[in-house]
Amino acid sequence: PEQARSDPTVLQDLVLSSSVVAKSVASKRYYMPPGGSSRTYDPRFLVFEFTYNMVLRQSQIELINLFVEAGNDPSRGSLCHQMIMGAGKTTVVGPLLALMFADGKSLVTQVVPQPLLEFSRSIMRERFSAIIRKPVYTFKFDRFQPISLQLYRKLVKARDSKAVVVSSPTSVKAFLLKFIELMHML
């Protein structure tokens, strides 16, 4: 109190900081059920917000829930969604989906354009190196590379350890073509 009287900037900083805290606490959380509802919320959203000091947007929550519903219903098939630049594909949606789907039963693979591979991998490693820990691996493959038991074991280890595998479309296509080639030979 004494310092605030002698230096007006201290009081301004205090007012500004309290305003930011109040705004953050009062922000609508779109993953919380409406008041009076008996439904529960997914605590991973809250942990993610707390860990990365952010408030998730409604569009991000809706998209993540859409993917989770599709992933939990095998009759729906695959799902594709386009987002504009800056909407949180790499920093929010991708890591949250990896968190929700990497359960030790499924291999979670994030396929990104080759120029974004390093950036996407570094974001995933950043997101999963603090409170929530997950290994992040890179999958690089070309058609002239032999398929080995070692490669299979690495992918099984990634799945079992609830890791995230980051790859480029070129590597995934080469792996698929190698699979088709081997099936044709057999």
N, C-alpha and C. Protein backbone atom coordinates (compact mmCIF):
# COMPACT_ATOMS: atom_id res chain seq x y z
N PRO A 1 0.81 -1.20 0.00
CA PRO A 1 0.00 0.00 0.00
C PRO A 1 0.86 1.27 0.00
N GLU A 2 1.92 1.29 0.81
CA GLU A 2 2.77 2.48 0.89
C GLU A 2 3.47 2.72 -0.45
N GLN A 3 3.93 1.63 -1.08
CA GLN A 3 4.63 1.74 -2.36
C GLN A 3 3.68 2.23 -3.46
N ALA A 4 2.42 1.81 -3.39
CA ALA A 4 1.43 2.23 -4.38
C ALA A 4 1.15 3.72 -4.28
N ARG A 5 1.19 4.28 -3.09
CA ARG A 5 0.95 5.71 -2.92
C ARG A 5 2.11 6.54 -3.46
N SER A 6 3.32 6.02 -3.29
CA SER A 6 4.49 6.79 -3.72
C SER A 6 4.78 6.62 -5.21
N ASP A 7 4.37 5.50 -5.79
CA ASP A 7 4.64 5.25 -7.21
C ASP A 7 3.33 4.86 -7.91
N PRO A 8 2.74 5.77 -8.71
CA PRO A 8 1.46 5.49 -9.35
C PRO A 8 1.51 4.32 -10.34
N THR A 9 2.69 3.99 -10.87
CA THR A 9 2.77 2.87 -11.81
C THR A 9 2.51 1.54 -11.12
N VAL A 10 2.83 1.44 -9.83
CA VAL A 10 2.58 0.21 -9.08
C VAL A 10 1.07 -0.03 -9.00
N LEU A 11 0.33 1.03 -8.71
CA LEU A 11 -1.13 0.91 -8.64
C LEU A 11 -1.70 0.55 -10.02
N GLN A 12 -1.20 1.16 -11.08
CA GLN A 12 -1.66 0.85 -12.43
C GLN A 12 -1.38 -0.61 -12.77
N ASP A 13 -0.18 -1.09 -12.41
CA ASP A 13 0.17 -2.49 -12.66
C ASP A 13 -0.75 -3.43 -11.90
N LEU A 14 -1.05 -3.08 -10.66
CA LEU A 14 -1.94 -3.89 -9.84
C LEU A 14 -3.35 -3.96 -10.42
N VAL A 15 -3.86 -2.82 -10.86
CA VAL A 15 -5.19 -2.77 -11.47
C VAL A 15 -5.21 -3.58 -12.76
N LEU A 16 -4.19 -3.42 -13.59
CA LEU A 16 -4.11 -4.16 -14.85
C LEU A 16 -4.02 -5.67 -14.60
N SER A 17 -3.15 -6.07 -13.67
CA SER A 17 -3.00 -7.50 -13.36
C SER A 17 -4.29 -8.10 -12.82
N SER A 18 -4.96 -7.38 -11.93
CA SER A 18 -6.21 -7.90 -11.39
C SER A 18 -7.29 -7.99 -12.45
N SER A 19 -7.27 -7.07 -13.40
CA SER A 19 -8.23 -7.10 -14.51
C SER A 19 -7.99 -8.33 -15.39
N VAL A 20 -6.73 -8.63 -15.66
CA VAL A 20 -6.39 -9.80 -16.49
C VAL A 20 -6.81 -11.08 -15.78
N VAL A 21 -6.55 -11.19 -14.48
CA VAL A 21 -6.93 -12.37 -13.71
C VAL A 21 -8.45 -12.53 -13.70
N ALA A 22 -9.17 -11.43 -13.45
CA ALA A 22 -10.63 -11.49 -13.41
C ALA A 22 -11.20 -11.91 -14.76
N LYS A 23 -10.64 -11.37 -15.84
CA LYS A 23 -11.12 -11.72 -17.18
C LYS A 23 -10.86 -13.20 -17.47
N SER A 24 -9.70 -13.71 -17.07
CA SER A 24 -9.37 -15.11 -17.31
C SER A 24 -10.29 -16.04 -16.52
N VAL A 25 -10.55 -15.71 -15.26
CA VAL A 25 -11.41 -16.54 -14.43
C VAL A 25 -12.85 -16.52 -14.95
N ALA A 26 -13.28 -15.36 -15.44
CA ALA A 26 -14.67 -15.21 -15.88
C ALA A 26 -14.89 -15.68 -17.32
N SER A 27 -13.82 -16.02 -18.04
CA SER A 27 -13.97 -16.47 -19.43
C SER A 27 -14.81 -17.73 -19.50
N LYS A 28 -15.66 -17.78 -20.51
CA LYS A 28 -16.51 -18.96 -20.70
C LYS A 28 -15.65 -20.14 -21.12
N ARG A 29 -15.85 -21.25 -20.44
CA ARG A 29 -15.17 -22.49 -20.80
C ARG A 29 -16.17 -23.34 -21.57
N TYR A 30 -15.91 -23.55 -22.86
CA TYR A 30 -16.87 -24.22 -23.74
C TYR A 30 -16.90 -25.73 -23.54
N TYR A 31 -15.98 -26.28 -22.80
CA TYR A 31 -15.99 -27.71 -22.51
C TYR A 31 -16.74 -28.01 -21.22
N MET A 32 -17.19 -26.99 -20.52
CA MET A 32 -17.96 -27.17 -19.28
C MET A 32 -19.43 -27.28 -19.65
N PRO A 33 -20.16 -28.21 -19.01
CA PRO A 33 -21.60 -28.32 -19.30
C PRO A 33 -22.34 -27.10 -18.78
N PRO A 34 -23.47 -26.77 -19.42
CA PRO A 34 -24.26 -25.63 -18.93
C PRO A 34 -24.69 -25.85 -17.49
N GLY A 35 -24.89 -24.77 -16.75
CA GLY A 35 -25.27 -24.84 -15.33
C GLY A 35 -26.47 -25.74 -15.11
N GLY A 36 -26.42 -26.51 -14.07
CA GLY A 36 -27.54 -27.39 -13.73
C GLY A 36 -27.48 -28.73 -14.43
N SER A 37 -26.57 -28.90 -15.38
CA SER A 37 -26.47 -30.17 -16.10
C SER A 37 -25.75 -31.20 -15.24
N SER A 38 -26.15 -32.45 -15.37
CA SER A 38 -25.51 -33.51 -14.60
C SER A 38 -24.33 -34.11 -15.36
N ARG A 39 -24.13 -33.68 -16.62
CA ARG A 39 -23.00 -34.18 -17.40
C ARG A 39 -21.70 -33.68 -16.80
N THR A 40 -20.62 -34.40 -17.09
CA THR A 40 -19.31 -33.98 -16.63
C THR A 40 -18.50 -33.46 -17.80
N TYR A 41 -17.37 -32.86 -17.49
CA TYR A 41 -16.50 -32.34 -18.54
C TYR A 41 -15.24 -33.19 -18.60
N ASP A 42 -14.51 -33.05 -19.68
CA ASP A 42 -13.25 -33.78 -19.86
C ASP A 42 -12.14 -32.96 -19.19
N PRO A 43 -11.53 -33.45 -18.13
CA PRO A 43 -10.53 -32.67 -17.41
C PRO A 43 -9.26 -32.38 -18.23
N ARG A 44 -9.05 -33.12 -19.32
CA ARG A 44 -7.87 -32.87 -20.14
C ARG A 44 -7.89 -31.47 -20.73
N PHE A 45 -9.09 -30.95 -21.02
CA PHE A 45 -9.19 -29.58 -21.53
C PHE A 45 -8.69 -28.59 -20.48
N LEU A 46 -9.12 -28.76 -19.25
CA LEU A 46 -8.73 -27.87 -18.16
C LEU A 46 -7.22 -27.95 -17.91
N VAL A 47 -6.67 -29.14 -17.88
CA VAL A 47 -5.23 -29.32 -17.67
C VAL A 47 -4.46 -28.66 -18.81
N PHE A 48 -4.94 -28.83 -20.04
CA PHE A 48 -4.28 -28.23 -21.20
C PHE A 48 -4.27 -26.70 -21.08
N GLU A 49 -5.40 -26.13 -20.73
CA GLU A 49 -5.48 -24.68 -20.55
C GLU A 49 -4.52 -24.21 -19.46
N PHE A 50 -4.53 -24.89 -18.35
CA PHE A 50 -3.68 -24.50 -17.23
C PHE A 50 -2.21 -24.62 -17.59
N THR A 51 -1.84 -25.75 -18.20
CA THR A 51 -0.44 -26.01 -18.53
C THR A 51 0.12 -24.99 -19.51
N TYR A 52 -0.67 -24.61 -20.50
CA TYR A 52 -0.16 -23.74 -21.56
C TYR A 52 -0.69 -22.31 -21.47
N ASN A 53 -1.31 -21.99 -20.33
CA ASN A 53 -1.75 -20.63 -20.04
C ASN A 53 -2.57 -20.04 -21.19
N MET A 54 -3.65 -20.73 -21.53
CA MET A 54 -4.52 -20.29 -22.62
C MET A 54 -5.96 -20.62 -22.30
N VAL A 55 -6.86 -20.02 -23.04
CA VAL A 55 -8.28 -20.34 -22.96
C VAL A 55 -8.66 -20.92 -24.31
N LEU A 56 -9.19 -22.14 -24.30
CA LEU A 56 -9.57 -22.80 -25.55
C LEU A 56 -10.79 -22.12 -26.16
N ARG A 57 -10.78 -21.98 -27.47
CA ARG A 57 -11.91 -21.35 -28.18
C ARG A 57 -13.03 -22.36 -28.41
N GLN A 58 -14.23 -21.83 -28.58
CA GLN A 58 -15.39 -22.69 -28.81
C GLN A 58 -15.20 -23.53 -30.07
N SER A 59 -14.68 -22.93 -31.14
CA SER A 59 -14.50 -23.69 -32.38
C SER A 59 -13.50 -24.82 -32.21
N GLN A 60 -12.47 -24.62 -31.39
CA GLN A 60 -11.48 -25.67 -31.15
C GLN A 60 -12.10 -26.82 -30.38
N ILE A 61 -12.88 -26.51 -29.35
CA ILE A 61 -13.54 -27.55 -28.55
C ILE A 61 -14.52 -28.35 -29.41
N GLU A 62 -15.31 -27.64 -30.21
CA GLU A 62 -16.29 -28.32 -31.07
C GLU A 62 -15.60 -29.24 -32.06
N LEU A 63 -14.50 -28.77 -32.66
CA LEU A 63 -13.79 -29.60 -33.63
C LEU A 63 -13.16 -30.83 -32.96
N ILE A 64 -12.55 -30.64 -31.81
CA ILE A 64 -11.94 -31.76 -31.09
C ILE A 64 -13.01 -32.78 -30.71
N ASN A 65 -14.14 -32.31 -30.20
CA ASN A 65 -15.23 -33.23 -29.85
C ASN A 65 -15.75 -33.97 -31.07
N LEU A 66 -15.81 -33.30 -32.22
CA LEU A 66 -16.24 -33.93 -33.46
C LEU A 66 -15.30 -35.08 -33.84
N PHE A 67 -13.98 -34.83 -33.76
CA PHE A 67 -13.00 -35.86 -34.07
C PHE A 67 -13.06 -37.01 -33.07
N VAL A 68 -13.23 -36.69 -31.80
CA VAL A 68 -13.31 -37.74 -30.78
C VAL A 68 -14.53 -38.62 -31.01
N GLU A 69 -15.68 -38.01 -31.31
CA GLU A 69 -16.89 -38.78 -31.60
C GLU A 69 -16.67 -39.68 -32.81
N ALA A 70 -16.06 -39.14 -33.85
CA ALA A 70 -15.81 -39.94 -35.06
C ALA A 70 -14.82 -41.06 -34.77
N GLY A 71 -13.81 -40.78 -33.97
CA GLY A 71 -12.82 -41.80 -33.62
C GLY A 71 -13.37 -42.91 -32.76
N ASN A 72 -14.38 -42.60 -31.98
CA ASN A 72 -14.99 -43.61 -31.10
C ASN A 72 -16.11 -44.38 -31.78
N ASP A 73 -16.46 -44.01 -33.00
CA ASP A 73 -17.54 -44.68 -33.74
C ASP A 73 -16.97 -45.23 -35.05
N PRO A 74 -16.56 -46.51 -35.08
CA PRO A 74 -15.93 -47.07 -36.28
C PRO A 74 -16.82 -47.03 -37.52
N SER A 75 -18.12 -46.95 -37.35
CA SER A 75 -19.01 -46.94 -38.51
C SER A 75 -18.96 -45.60 -39.26
N ARG A 76 -18.43 -44.56 -38.63
CA ARG A 76 -18.38 -43.24 -39.26
C ARG A 76 -17.26 -43.08 -40.26
N GLY A 77 -16.20 -43.88 -40.15
CA GLY A 77 -15.08 -43.75 -41.06
C GLY A 77 -14.18 -42.59 -40.67
N SER A 78 -13.37 -42.14 -41.63
CA SER A 78 -12.42 -41.09 -41.34
C SER A 78 -13.08 -39.71 -41.41
N LEU A 79 -12.36 -38.73 -40.92
CA LEU A 79 -12.89 -37.37 -40.85
C LEU A 79 -11.79 -36.41 -41.27
N CYS A 80 -12.15 -35.42 -42.05
CA CYS A 80 -11.20 -34.41 -42.51
C CYS A 80 -11.84 -33.04 -42.29
N HIS A 81 -11.05 -32.09 -41.83
CA HIS A 81 -11.57 -30.75 -41.58
C HIS A 81 -10.51 -29.73 -41.93
N GLN A 82 -10.89 -28.68 -42.63
CA GLN A 82 -9.97 -27.62 -43.00
C GLN A 82 -10.13 -26.45 -42.04
N MET A 83 -8.99 -25.91 -41.59
CA MET A 83 -9.01 -24.75 -40.69
C MET A 83 -8.18 -23.63 -41.30
N ILE A 84 -8.55 -22.41 -40.97
CA ILE A 84 -7.77 -21.27 -41.46
C ILE A 84 -6.47 -21.15 -40.69
N MET A 85 -5.55 -20.40 -41.26
CA MET A 85 -4.27 -20.17 -40.62
C MET A 85 -4.48 -19.42 -39.30
N GLY A 86 -3.78 -19.84 -38.26
CA GLY A 86 -3.87 -19.17 -36.97
C GLY A 86 -5.00 -19.66 -36.08
N ALA A 87 -5.69 -20.72 -36.49
CA ALA A 87 -6.83 -21.22 -35.71
C ALA A 87 -6.41 -22.24 -34.65
N GLY A 88 -5.12 -22.58 -34.61
CA GLY A 88 -4.63 -23.49 -33.58
C GLY A 88 -4.51 -24.93 -34.01
N LYS A 89 -4.33 -25.19 -35.29
CA LYS A 89 -4.19 -26.57 -35.76
C LYS A 89 -2.99 -27.26 -35.12
N THR A 90 -1.84 -26.61 -35.19
CA THR A 90 -0.58 -27.21 -34.74
C THR A 90 -0.40 -27.12 -33.24
N THR A 91 -0.80 -26.01 -32.65
CA THR A 91 -0.51 -25.77 -31.24
C THR A 91 -1.60 -26.23 -30.28
N VAL A 92 -2.84 -26.38 -30.77
CA VAL A 92 -3.95 -26.73 -29.89
C VAL A 92 -4.64 -28.02 -30.33
N VAL A 93 -5.21 -28.03 -31.51
CA VAL A 93 -6.03 -29.16 -31.96
C VAL A 93 -5.19 -30.44 -32.10
N GLY A 94 -4.07 -30.36 -32.78
CA GLY A 94 -3.21 -31.54 -32.95
C GLY A 94 -2.76 -32.15 -31.63
N PRO A 95 -2.17 -31.34 -30.73
CA PRO A 95 -1.75 -31.91 -29.44
C PRO A 95 -2.91 -32.45 -28.60
N LEU A 96 -4.05 -31.78 -28.60
CA LEU A 96 -5.18 -32.28 -27.81
C LEU A 96 -5.71 -33.60 -28.37
N LEU A 97 -5.78 -33.71 -29.69
CA LEU A 97 -6.22 -34.98 -30.28
C LEU A 97 -5.21 -36.08 -30.00
N ALA A 98 -3.93 -35.75 -30.04
CA ALA A 98 -2.90 -36.75 -29.70
C ALA A 98 -3.05 -37.18 -28.25
N LEU A 99 -3.34 -36.24 -27.37
CA LEU A 99 -3.54 -36.56 -25.96
C LEU A 99 -4.73 -37.50 -25.77
N MET A 100 -5.78 -37.27 -26.53
CA MET A 100 -7.01 -38.05 -26.35
C MET A 100 -6.96 -39.42 -27.03
N PHE A 101 -6.24 -39.53 -28.14
CA PHE A 101 -6.24 -40.79 -28.88
C PHE A 101 -5.05 -41.69 -28.59
N ALA A 102 -3.94 -41.15 -28.09
CA ALA A 102 -2.77 -41.98 -27.80
C ALA A 102 -3.01 -42.69 -26.47
N ASP A 103 -3.62 -43.87 -26.56
CA ASP A 103 -4.07 -44.58 -25.37
C ASP A 103 -3.35 -45.91 -25.17
N GLY A 104 -2.36 -46.21 -25.99
CA GLY A 104 -1.67 -47.49 -25.88
C GLY A 104 -2.29 -48.57 -26.76
N LYS A 105 -3.46 -48.28 -27.35
CA LYS A 105 -4.11 -49.24 -28.25
C LYS A 105 -4.06 -48.77 -29.70
N SER A 106 -3.89 -47.47 -29.89
CA SER A 106 -3.86 -46.88 -31.24
C SER A 106 -2.54 -46.16 -31.46
N LEU A 107 -2.03 -46.25 -32.68
CA LEU A 107 -0.83 -45.52 -33.04
C LEU A 107 -1.28 -44.16 -33.56
N VAL A 108 -0.90 -43.10 -32.87
CA VAL A 108 -1.29 -41.75 -33.28
C VAL A 108 -0.20 -41.20 -34.17
N THR A 109 -0.59 -40.85 -35.39
CA THR A 109 0.35 -40.31 -36.37
C THR A 109 -0.15 -38.97 -36.86
N GLN A 110 0.69 -37.97 -36.78
CA GLN A 110 0.36 -36.65 -37.29
C GLN A 110 1.11 -36.48 -38.60
N VAL A 111 0.38 -36.32 -39.69
CA VAL A 111 0.98 -36.17 -41.00
C VAL A 111 0.89 -34.71 -41.40
N VAL A 112 2.06 -34.10 -41.61
CA VAL A 112 2.13 -32.67 -41.93
C VAL A 112 2.98 -32.48 -43.18
N PRO A 113 2.77 -31.38 -43.90
CA PRO A 113 3.62 -31.12 -45.08
C PRO A 113 5.10 -31.08 -44.69
N GLN A 114 5.95 -31.55 -45.58
CA GLN A 114 7.39 -31.65 -45.31
C GLN A 114 7.98 -30.35 -44.74
N PRO A 115 7.64 -29.17 -45.29
CA PRO A 115 8.22 -27.94 -44.73
C PRO A 115 7.81 -27.66 -43.28
N LEU A 116 6.72 -28.26 -42.83
CA LEU A 116 6.24 -28.05 -41.45
C LEU A 116 6.63 -29.17 -40.50
N LEU A 117 7.35 -30.16 -40.99
CA LEU A 117 7.67 -31.33 -40.18
C LEU A 117 8.46 -30.96 -38.91
N GLU A 118 9.54 -30.23 -39.07
CA GLU A 118 10.37 -29.86 -37.92
C GLU A 118 9.59 -29.01 -36.93
N PHE A 119 8.84 -28.03 -37.43
CA PHE A 119 8.06 -27.14 -36.58
C PHE A 119 7.01 -27.93 -35.80
N SER A 120 6.27 -28.78 -36.50
CA SER A 120 5.20 -29.56 -35.87
C SER A 120 5.77 -30.50 -34.82
N ARG A 121 6.89 -31.13 -35.13
CA ARG A 121 7.52 -32.03 -34.17
C ARG A 121 7.99 -31.26 -32.93
N SER A 122 8.55 -30.08 -33.13
CA SER A 122 9.02 -29.29 -31.98
C SER A 122 7.85 -28.83 -31.11
N ILE A 123 6.72 -28.49 -31.73
CA ILE A 123 5.53 -28.10 -30.96
C ILE A 123 5.03 -29.29 -30.15
N MET A 124 4.96 -30.46 -30.77
CA MET A 124 4.52 -31.66 -30.05
C MET A 124 5.45 -31.97 -28.89
N ARG A 125 6.74 -31.87 -29.12
CA ARG A 125 7.69 -32.15 -28.04
C ARG A 125 7.56 -31.12 -26.92
N GLU A 126 7.32 -29.88 -27.28
CA GLU A 126 7.12 -28.85 -26.26
C GLU A 126 5.86 -29.14 -25.44
N ARG A 127 4.78 -29.48 -26.12
CA ARG A 127 3.51 -29.74 -25.44
C ARG A 127 3.58 -30.96 -24.53
N PHE A 128 4.35 -31.96 -24.94
CA PHE A 128 4.38 -33.21 -24.18
C PHE A 128 5.70 -33.43 -23.44
N SER A 129 6.29 -32.34 -22.95
CA SER A 129 7.53 -32.49 -22.19
C SER A 129 7.41 -31.96 -20.77
N ALA A 130 6.26 -31.41 -20.41
CA ALA A 130 6.12 -30.83 -19.08
C ALA A 130 5.22 -31.70 -18.21
N ILE A 131 4.04 -31.23 -17.90
CA ILE A 131 3.13 -31.95 -17.01
C ILE A 131 2.62 -33.23 -17.66
N ILE A 132 2.20 -33.12 -18.91
CA ILE A 132 1.73 -34.28 -19.68
C ILE A 132 2.92 -34.74 -20.52
N ARG A 133 3.40 -35.96 -20.26
CA ARG A 133 4.60 -36.44 -20.94
C ARG A 133 4.25 -37.55 -21.94
N LYS A 134 4.71 -37.36 -23.17
CA LYS A 134 4.55 -38.37 -24.22
C LYS A 134 5.79 -38.31 -25.11
N PRO A 135 6.29 -39.45 -25.53
CA PRO A 135 7.38 -39.42 -26.51
C PRO A 135 6.86 -38.95 -27.86
N VAL A 136 7.70 -38.29 -28.62
CA VAL A 136 7.35 -37.84 -29.97
C VAL A 136 8.45 -38.36 -30.90
N TYR A 137 8.03 -39.16 -31.88
CA TYR A 137 8.97 -39.75 -32.83
C TYR A 137 8.71 -39.23 -34.23
N THR A 138 9.73 -39.36 -35.08
CA THR A 138 9.60 -38.98 -36.49
C THR A 138 9.65 -40.25 -37.33
N PHE A 139 8.74 -40.35 -38.29
CA PHE A 139 8.72 -41.49 -39.20
C PHE A 139 9.16 -40.99 -40.58
N LYS A 140 10.33 -41.45 -41.01
CA LYS A 140 10.83 -41.13 -42.35
C LYS A 140 11.00 -42.45 -43.09
N PHE A 141 10.50 -42.48 -44.31
CA PHE A 141 10.55 -43.73 -45.07
C PHE A 141 10.60 -43.41 -46.56
N ASP A 142 11.32 -44.25 -47.31
CA ASP A 142 11.26 -44.17 -48.78
C ASP A 142 11.10 -45.58 -49.33
N ARG A 143 10.66 -45.66 -50.58
CA ARG A 143 10.31 -46.96 -51.16
C ARG A 143 11.48 -47.92 -51.28
N PHE A 144 12.69 -47.40 -51.27
CA PHE A 144 13.86 -48.26 -51.44
C PHE A 144 14.41 -48.75 -50.10
N GLN A 145 13.77 -48.32 -49.03
CA GLN A 145 14.16 -48.75 -47.69
C GLN A 145 13.52 -50.11 -47.42
N PRO A 146 14.28 -51.05 -46.88
CA PRO A 146 13.69 -52.36 -46.59
C PRO A 146 12.76 -52.30 -45.37
N ILE A 147 11.72 -53.11 -45.41
CA ILE A 147 10.84 -53.27 -44.26
C ILE A 147 11.52 -54.29 -43.35
N SER A 148 11.65 -53.95 -42.09
CA SER A 148 12.35 -54.84 -41.18
C SER A 148 11.53 -55.05 -39.91
N LEU A 149 11.90 -56.07 -39.18
CA LEU A 149 11.28 -56.34 -37.89
C LEU A 149 11.57 -55.19 -36.93
N GLN A 150 12.71 -54.56 -37.08
CA GLN A 150 13.09 -53.43 -36.23
C GLN A 150 12.12 -52.25 -36.42
N LEU A 151 11.75 -51.97 -37.67
CA LEU A 151 10.79 -50.89 -37.94
C LEU A 151 9.43 -51.22 -37.32
N TYR A 152 9.00 -52.45 -37.47
CA TYR A 152 7.74 -52.88 -36.85
C TYR A 152 7.78 -52.70 -35.34
N ARG A 153 8.88 -53.13 -34.72
CA ARG A 153 9.01 -53.02 -33.27
C ARG A 153 9.01 -51.56 -32.81
N LYS A 154 9.61 -50.67 -33.59
CA LYS A 154 9.60 -49.25 -33.24
C LYS A 154 8.19 -48.69 -33.25
N LEU A 155 7.41 -49.06 -34.26
CA LEU A 155 6.03 -48.57 -34.34
C LEU A 155 5.16 -49.16 -33.23
N VAL A 156 5.39 -50.43 -32.89
CA VAL A 156 4.66 -51.05 -31.78
C VAL A 156 5.04 -50.38 -30.47
N LYS A 157 6.32 -50.09 -30.30
CA LYS A 157 6.78 -49.40 -29.09
C LYS A 157 6.14 -48.02 -28.99
N ALA A 158 6.04 -47.31 -30.12
CA ALA A 158 5.40 -45.99 -30.13
C ALA A 158 3.94 -46.11 -29.70
N ARG A 159 3.25 -47.10 -30.24
CA ARG A 159 1.85 -47.30 -29.86
C ARG A 159 1.72 -47.63 -28.38
N ASP A 160 2.52 -48.58 -27.93
CA ASP A 160 2.42 -49.05 -26.55
C ASP A 160 2.80 -47.96 -25.53
N SER A 161 3.71 -47.08 -25.90
CA SER A 161 4.16 -46.03 -24.98
C SER A 161 3.32 -44.76 -25.12
N LYS A 162 2.21 -44.85 -25.87
CA LYS A 162 1.29 -43.73 -26.06
C LYS A 162 1.99 -42.52 -26.69
N ALA A 163 2.91 -42.81 -27.60
CA ALA A 163 3.70 -41.77 -28.25
C ALA A 163 2.93 -41.16 -29.42
N VAL A 164 3.50 -40.09 -29.94
CA VAL A 164 2.99 -39.44 -31.14
C VAL A 164 4.05 -39.59 -32.21
N VAL A 165 3.65 -40.04 -33.39
CA VAL A 165 4.56 -40.18 -34.52
C VAL A 165 4.25 -39.07 -35.52
N VAL A 166 5.26 -38.28 -35.84
CA VAL A 166 5.09 -37.18 -36.79
C VAL A 166 5.75 -37.60 -38.10
N SER A 167 5.04 -37.39 -39.21
CA SER A 167 5.55 -37.81 -40.51
C SER A 167 5.09 -36.86 -41.60
N SER A 168 5.66 -37.04 -42.77
CA SER A 168 5.25 -36.26 -43.94
C SER A 168 4.41 -37.13 -44.86
N PRO A 169 3.59 -36.52 -45.72
CA PRO A 169 2.80 -37.32 -46.67
C PRO A 169 3.68 -38.20 -47.57
N THR A 170 4.85 -37.72 -47.92
CA THR A 170 5.76 -38.47 -48.78
C THR A 170 6.17 -39.79 -48.13
N SER A 171 6.50 -39.74 -46.84
CA SER A 171 6.90 -40.96 -46.13
C SER A 171 5.74 -41.93 -45.99
N VAL A 172 4.56 -41.42 -45.69
CA VAL A 172 3.39 -42.29 -45.54
C VAL A 172 3.03 -42.94 -46.88
N LYS A 173 3.07 -42.16 -47.96
CA LYS A 173 2.77 -42.73 -49.29
C LYS A 173 3.81 -43.77 -49.68
N ALA A 174 5.08 -43.50 -49.40
CA ALA A 174 6.14 -44.46 -49.73
C ALA A 174 5.94 -45.76 -48.95
N PHE A 175 5.55 -45.65 -47.70
CA PHE A 175 5.30 -46.84 -46.88
C PHE A 175 4.12 -47.64 -47.44
N LEU A 176 3.06 -46.95 -47.83
CA LEU A 176 1.90 -47.61 -48.41
C LEU A 176 2.27 -48.30 -49.73
N LEU A 177 3.02 -47.61 -50.57
CA LEU A 177 3.43 -48.21 -51.85
C LEU A 177 4.34 -49.41 -51.62
N LYS A 178 5.20 -49.35 -50.62
CA LYS A 178 6.07 -50.48 -50.30
C LYS A 178 5.22 -51.66 -49.84
N PHE A 179 4.19 -51.38 -49.04
CA PHE A 179 3.27 -52.43 -48.60
C PHE A 179 2.59 -53.10 -49.79
N ILE A 180 2.08 -52.29 -50.72
CA ILE A 180 1.42 -52.83 -51.91
C ILE A 180 2.41 -53.65 -52.74
N GLU A 181 3.61 -53.16 -52.87
CA GLU A 181 4.65 -53.88 -53.62
C GLU A 181 4.93 -55.23 -52.98
N LEU A 182 5.07 -55.27 -51.67
CA LEU A 182 5.33 -56.53 -50.97
C LEU A 182 4.14 -57.49 -51.08
N MET A 183 2.93 -56.96 -51.00
CA MET A 183 1.74 -57.82 -51.14
C MET A 183 1.68 -58.41 -52.54
N HIS A 184 2.05 -57.61 -53.54
CA HIS A 184 2.05 -58.10 -54.93
C HIS A 184 3.10 -59.21 -55.09
N MET A 185 4.24 -59.03 -54.47
CA MET A 185 5.31 -60.05 -54.56
C MET A 185 4.89 -61.35 -53.88
N LEU A 186 4.14 -61.24 -52.78
CA LEU A 186 3.70 -62.44 -52.07
C LEU A 186 2.59 -63.13 -52.83
